[in-house]
Amino acid sequence: MSILLAIETSVPEASIALSIDGEIVATQEFESHRQQNKLLFPALDTVLQYLRSHQLTPDQIIVGTGPGSYSGSRISIAAAHGLAIAYSCPVAGLGSLLATPSLQTQARAFAIGDARRDSYFIAEIHQDSSEFTPELMDHQAFIAKLSDIDPSIPRISFEHELPVENFLRETPHATRLISAWNNLPQTEREKLNTTPPQPLYLRAPFITKAKPGHPLLRRK
C-alpha cells in the first residue's frame, strides 16, 4: 500500500491531498492569502482524521516549494517536517510549477511571472524532471525571449495579470503535486527525499543592514 500526503500553500488557493494506491481519498482547499499559519492546521487535521480513522500512516509527504508566497511555502514545509518526524516517513519538496494542469498533460511548458523589482522570470519545466531554473530579466528582455518561444508550447503563470498576451493562468494543487511526484523517475524521488525542502527563491532574500549607531552595532 502506498500512502502519499501532499501540502500546497505557495499560492492563496491552498490545498492538501491524501492518496492511497493512486486514489485521492481526502482533500481540503482554502483561501490562505496571509493567514496560512491560521488556516493550514485545521484543514490538515481534517485530512489526517482520515488516516486516524483507518489506523494508517503516510509513507511519503510532499510539499510544494513555489515559487510563490514565501510565508506560505515556509509554513507548509515546517508542518511537513513535523509530520515526517511524527510518522517516521520521508518528506520531499517539489516545485509547485509541476503541480499545474498543463504539466499533467504536456511534456513541457514555460512558466512565466513577475519577479518584482521591475523584473520578470521565465523557466522551462518538464513533466519528468523536478529541476528547473527561473531566469530573471527586465521587461524588454522578457518580451524578446517570449517571442522566440514556440507558441505551441504552453506558457503558464500563477499571476492574474502580466504585460503579455496568450498565457494560461494556472494554479498548483496538492492532488497534482501527487501526480507530479508519481511522474518522476524513482532515482529522482530518492534524491529529493535526501534533500531538505526549502522555498524556491527567485532571487536571494534582500537583507536590510543596520544603520550606523544602531544598538545592535554598538554591542560589537
Foldseek 3Di string as FASTA:
>chain_A
DAKEWEWEFQAQFTKIFIDDPLHTDDMDTGRPVPNCVPPVVVRVVVRCVVCVVVVHAHQEYEYAQDPHHQVRRVVVLVVQVVSCVVRVHFYFYAHLVLQWPCLLPDQKAWEKADLPPQKIWIWIDGLADRDIATDIDHPVVVVVVVVVDDLVGAYEYCDPDDPDDRHHNIGGYRSSSVVSLVSYDPVRNVVRRVDRDHHDHNDDDDDDDDDPPPPVVVVD
